[in-house]
Structures are given as structure tokens and as C-alpha cells.
N, C-alpha and C. Protein backbone atom coordinates (compact mmCIF):
# COMPACT_ATOMS: atom_id res chain seq x y z
N MET A 1 20.85 7.98 5.17
CA MET A 1 20.38 7.07 6.19
C MET A 1 18.70 7.46 6.51
N ARG A 2 18.45 8.91 6.29
CA ARG A 2 17.28 9.31 6.79
C ARG A 2 16.31 9.41 5.79
N LYS A 3 17.15 9.42 4.41
CA LYS A 3 16.36 9.33 3.29
C LYS A 3 15.34 7.85 3.10
N VAL A 4 16.17 6.74 3.54
CA VAL A 4 15.60 5.20 3.51
C VAL A 4 14.30 5.57 4.60
N PHE A 5 14.39 6.07 5.44
CA PHE A 5 13.23 6.42 6.33
C PHE A 5 12.16 6.99 5.86
N TYR A 6 12.79 8.22 5.31
CA TYR A 6 11.72 9.02 4.45
C TYR A 6 10.67 8.33 3.68
N TRP A 7 11.24 7.37 2.89
CA TRP A 7 10.19 6.30 1.97
C TRP A 7 9.81 5.34 2.51
N LEU A 8 10.21 5.05 3.72
CA LEU A 8 9.86 3.81 4.12
C LEU A 8 8.77 4.21 5.43
N ALA A 9 8.45 5.29 5.65
CA ALA A 9 7.38 5.87 6.64
C ALA A 9 6.15 5.47 6.06
N PRO A 10 5.55 6.12 4.85
CA PRO A 10 4.36 6.20 4.47
C PRO A 10 3.89 4.72 3.88
N ALA A 11 4.91 3.93 3.56
CA ALA A 11 4.62 2.30 3.37
C ALA A 11 4.32 1.69 4.62
N ILE A 12 5.12 1.71 5.67
CA ILE A 12 4.49 1.35 7.23
C ILE A 12 3.36 1.80 7.52
N ALA A 13 3.06 2.93 7.15
CA ALA A 13 1.50 3.42 7.72
C ALA A 13 0.85 2.87 6.69
N MET A 14 0.94 2.87 5.45
CA MET A 14 -0.46 2.42 4.68
C MET A 14 -0.50 0.69 4.35
N ILE A 15 0.42 -0.07 4.68
CA ILE A 15 0.24 -1.47 4.57
C ILE A 15 -0.49 -2.11 5.54
N PRO A 16 -0.46 -1.61 6.73
CA PRO A 16 -1.38 -2.13 7.76
C PRO A 16 -2.82 -1.68 7.42
N ALA A 17 -3.09 -0.55 6.54
CA ALA A 17 -4.44 -0.18 6.25
C ALA A 17 -5.16 -0.95 5.34
N LEU A 18 -4.20 -1.29 4.48
CA LEU A 18 -4.56 -2.06 3.24
C LEU A 18 -4.53 -3.72 3.86
N LEU A 19 -4.18 -3.84 4.65
CA LEU A 19 -4.13 -5.60 4.78
C LEU A 19 -5.37 -5.67 5.67
N ASN A 20 -6.19 -4.44 6.19
CA ASN A 20 -7.30 -4.57 6.83
C ASN A 20 -8.71 -4.99 5.77
N LEU A 21 -8.38 -4.80 4.63
CA LEU A 21 -9.31 -4.84 3.54
C LEU A 21 -9.12 -6.55 3.61
N ALA A 22 -8.29 -7.19 3.47
CA ALA A 22 -7.93 -8.60 3.03
C ALA A 22 -8.88 -9.23 3.95
N VAL A 23 -9.10 -9.14 4.96
CA VAL A 23 -10.09 -10.27 5.81
C VAL A 23 -11.51 -9.63 5.98
N ILE A 24 -12.12 -8.88 4.85
CA ILE A 24 -13.47 -8.63 4.69
C ILE A 24 -14.12 -9.50 3.68
N PRO A 25 -14.90 -10.37 4.31
CA PRO A 25 -15.42 -11.30 3.23
C PRO A 25 -16.17 -10.66 2.09
N LEU A 26 -15.94 -10.86 0.85
CA LEU A 26 -16.26 -10.40 -0.51
C LEU A 26 -17.29 -11.15 -1.15
N ALA A 27 -17.47 -12.49 -0.95
CA ALA A 27 -18.21 -13.16 -1.53
C ALA A 27 -19.08 -14.11 -0.46
N ARG A 28 -20.21 -14.53 -1.19
CA ARG A 28 -20.66 -15.65 -0.40
C ARG A 28 -19.76 -17.12 -0.10
N THR A 29 -19.91 -17.38 1.03
CA THR A 29 -19.12 -18.60 1.58
C THR A 29 -19.79 -19.72 1.29
N SER A 30 -19.18 -21.04 0.68
CA SER A 30 -20.07 -22.14 0.40
C SER A 30 -18.96 -23.28 1.07
N ALA A 31 -19.42 -24.39 1.55
CA ALA A 31 -18.55 -25.35 1.93
C ALA A 31 -17.37 -25.90 1.33
N ASN A 32 -17.38 -25.51 0.20
CA ASN A 32 -16.36 -25.85 -0.81
C ASN A 32 -15.48 -24.75 -0.96
N ARG A 33 -15.98 -23.54 -1.27
CA ARG A 33 -14.93 -22.53 -1.61
C ARG A 33 -15.05 -21.28 -0.71
N ARG A 34 -13.96 -20.73 -0.38
CA ARG A 34 -13.96 -19.50 0.38
C ARG A 34 -13.11 -18.31 -0.07
N TRP A 35 -13.56 -17.29 -0.44
CA TRP A 35 -12.89 -16.50 -1.27
C TRP A 35 -12.04 -15.51 -0.37
N SER A 36 -12.35 -15.30 0.79
CA SER A 36 -11.31 -14.45 1.77
C SER A 36 -11.35 -15.48 3.37
N SER A 37 -10.81 -14.58 4.07
CA SER A 37 -10.75 -15.50 5.34
C SER A 37 -11.78 -15.41 6.42
N PRO A 38 -11.75 -16.32 7.37
CA PRO A 38 -12.87 -16.20 7.75
C PRO A 38 -13.06 -15.20 9.02
N ILE A 39 -14.40 -14.62 9.62
CA ILE A 39 -14.27 -13.52 10.47
C ILE A 39 -13.75 -13.66 11.74
N SER A 40 -13.37 -14.61 12.01
CA SER A 40 -12.96 -15.26 13.38
C SER A 40 -11.09 -14.75 13.14
N THR A 41 -10.57 -14.68 11.95
CA THR A 41 -9.34 -14.43 11.73
C THR A 41 -9.19 -13.10 11.66
N SER A 42 -9.99 -12.12 11.38
CA SER A 42 -10.33 -10.47 11.32
C SER A 42 -10.26 -10.21 12.55
N ALA A 43 -10.93 -10.83 13.50
CA ALA A 43 -10.93 -10.25 14.97
C ALA A 43 -9.91 -10.11 15.35
N PHE A 44 -8.79 -11.01 15.19
CA PHE A 44 -7.48 -10.70 15.99
C PHE A 44 -6.45 -10.24 14.85
N SER A 45 -6.43 -10.28 13.83
CA SER A 45 -5.76 -9.56 12.66
C SER A 45 -5.56 -8.05 12.89
N THR A 46 -7.17 -7.40 12.78
CA THR A 46 -7.20 -5.87 12.73
C THR A 46 -7.03 -5.14 13.72
N PRO A 47 -6.64 -5.63 15.07
CA PRO A 47 -5.76 -4.57 15.85
C PRO A 47 -4.49 -4.75 16.06
N SER A 48 -4.06 -5.96 15.14
CA SER A 48 -2.24 -6.14 15.16
C SER A 48 -2.09 -5.24 14.16
N HIS A 49 -2.74 -5.03 13.24
CA HIS A 49 -2.66 -4.03 12.20
C HIS A 49 -2.54 -2.24 12.50
N ARG A 50 -3.47 -2.21 13.58
CA ARG A 50 -3.76 -0.83 13.93
C ARG A 50 -2.23 -0.28 14.82
N VAL A 51 -2.01 -1.63 15.45
CA VAL A 51 -0.79 -1.36 16.22
C VAL A 51 0.26 -1.19 15.60
N ALA A 52 0.72 -1.62 14.22
CA ALA A 52 1.90 -1.52 13.17
C ALA A 52 1.80 -0.17 12.79
N ARG A 53 0.83 0.66 12.66
CA ARG A 53 0.64 1.79 12.14
C ARG A 53 1.50 2.90 12.91
N VAL A 54 1.59 2.64 14.08
CA VAL A 54 2.51 3.44 15.15
C VAL A 54 3.87 3.62 14.71
N TYR A 55 4.36 2.78 13.99
CA TYR A 55 5.71 2.86 13.61
C TYR A 55 5.95 3.75 12.71
N GLY A 56 5.25 3.56 11.75
CA GLY A 56 5.14 4.66 10.47
C GLY A 56 5.16 6.14 10.99
N ILE A 57 4.27 6.28 11.93
CA ILE A 57 4.15 7.88 12.37
C ILE A 57 5.54 8.24 13.12
N VAL A 58 6.15 7.34 13.89
CA VAL A 58 7.31 7.54 14.60
C VAL A 58 8.61 7.88 13.48
N LEU A 59 8.58 6.87 12.66
CA LEU A 59 9.60 6.82 11.58
C LEU A 59 9.24 8.05 10.49
N ALA A 60 8.34 8.77 10.46
CA ALA A 60 8.14 9.84 9.46
C ALA A 60 8.68 11.19 10.70
N GLY A 61 8.31 11.00 11.80
CA GLY A 61 8.90 12.12 12.32
C GLY A 61 10.67 12.13 12.67
N TYR A 62 10.95 10.78 12.52
CA TYR A 62 12.34 10.83 12.52
C TYR A 62 12.88 11.12 11.39
N ALA A 63 12.21 10.96 10.40
CA ALA A 63 12.95 11.04 8.69
C ALA A 63 13.16 12.46 8.62
N ALA A 64 12.37 13.40 9.50
CA ALA A 64 12.40 14.83 8.94
C ALA A 64 13.56 15.55 9.50
N ASN A 65 14.46 14.71 10.30
CA ASN A 65 15.93 15.18 10.39
C ASN A 65 15.55 16.56 11.54
N SER A 66 14.76 16.57 12.35
CA SER A 66 14.58 17.89 13.21
C SER A 66 13.81 17.24 14.23
N LYS A 67 13.95 17.78 15.41
CA LYS A 67 13.78 17.15 16.82
C LYS A 67 12.23 17.77 17.14
N TYR A 68 11.57 18.69 16.19
CA TYR A 68 10.12 19.02 16.75
C TYR A 68 9.26 17.91 15.88
N PRO A 69 9.56 17.74 14.79
CA PRO A 69 8.80 16.81 14.13
C PRO A 69 8.79 15.21 14.89
N PHE A 70 9.99 14.92 15.19
CA PHE A 70 10.21 13.48 15.85
C PHE A 70 9.41 13.69 17.29
N LEU A 71 9.29 14.67 17.74
CA LEU A 71 8.63 14.94 19.11
C LEU A 71 7.03 14.78 18.92
N GLY A 72 6.54 15.26 17.73
CA GLY A 72 5.10 15.36 17.16
C GLY A 72 4.70 13.85 16.97
N GLY A 73 5.66 13.24 16.44
CA GLY A 73 5.71 11.76 16.05
C GLY A 73 5.53 10.84 17.11
N ILE A 74 6.11 11.23 18.01
CA ILE A 74 6.28 10.60 19.32
C ILE A 74 4.82 10.69 20.12
N ARG A 75 4.31 12.04 19.99
CA ARG A 75 3.07 12.59 20.72
C ARG A 75 1.84 11.87 19.92
N SER A 76 1.95 11.69 18.73
CA SER A 76 0.90 11.21 17.85
C SER A 76 0.63 9.70 18.09
N SER A 77 2.23 8.83 18.33
CA SER A 77 1.78 7.96 18.37
C SER A 77 1.34 7.28 19.70
N ALA A 78 1.70 8.09 20.87
CA ALA A 78 1.16 8.05 22.27
C ALA A 78 -0.13 8.11 22.26
N GLN A 79 -0.86 9.01 21.46
CA GLN A 79 -2.23 9.45 21.50
C GLN A 79 -2.94 7.99 20.70
N MET A 80 -2.34 7.52 19.81
CA MET A 80 -2.65 6.05 19.13
C MET A 80 -2.80 4.95 19.92
N ILE A 81 -1.85 4.62 20.97
CA ILE A 81 -1.77 3.64 21.80
C ILE A 81 -2.98 3.77 22.70
N SER A 82 -2.85 5.04 23.28
CA SER A 82 -4.09 5.35 24.32
C SER A 82 -5.47 5.13 23.75
N TYR A 83 -5.46 5.37 22.68
CA TYR A 83 -6.97 5.20 22.19
C TYR A 83 -7.31 3.61 21.76
N GLU A 84 -5.99 2.84 21.27
CA GLU A 84 -6.37 1.44 21.03
C GLU A 84 -6.52 0.73 22.24
N ILE A 85 -6.02 1.17 24.01
CA ILE A 85 -5.99 0.72 24.82
C ILE A 85 -7.30 1.04 25.43
N ALA A 86 -7.97 1.77 24.95
CA ALA A 86 -9.50 2.07 25.30
C ALA A 86 -10.50 0.85 24.77
N MET A 87 -10.04 1.16 23.25
CA MET A 87 -11.01 0.02 22.47
C MET A 87 -10.78 -1.20 22.63
N GLY A 88 -9.51 -1.43 22.96
CA GLY A 88 -9.36 -2.84 23.58
C GLY A 88 -10.27 -3.54 24.70
């Protein structure tokens, strides 16, 4: 069971980081064509992607099958949440 979490935790941590790249406008926008999402979308999606990274850190600590890495993962997630509250 924990082997699934061992492989799932890095994916959960990396997917939100890669999703942030999807909202960066990479080309000139014209009235007819738009290659990426508008800036107003990125203002709301980027903080939501940052929140999803917390789950990856907690799962990484849980997958280690020991209480000390699990407590370290919870501590790291608490730090990330407190920093995000200040940025919000």
C-alpha cells in the first residue's frame, strides 16, 4: 500500500509545478488566436496549484513507513501553508 504512495508523492508534487507553466503566455495574442490562457486565469490558478503541492509532501513522509519522516512532512506542509497565507 505504501509503495503506491512512494511513487504517487513525487507526481503529486511535480504536476502543480508543471501546471503553472501552462498559464504563461508564450506568444503574441491577437483577436483571432490565443495560444495560451489569459492572465486573469493565471491569477487564480497559480495559488490553487501551490496548495496542491502540500499533499505531495505529506504523502512522501507517509510513504517512508516511519513516524519521523511523517512528522517532518507534516511540519513542512505547515510551513508551506503559513507562507502561503502571508502571500495571499
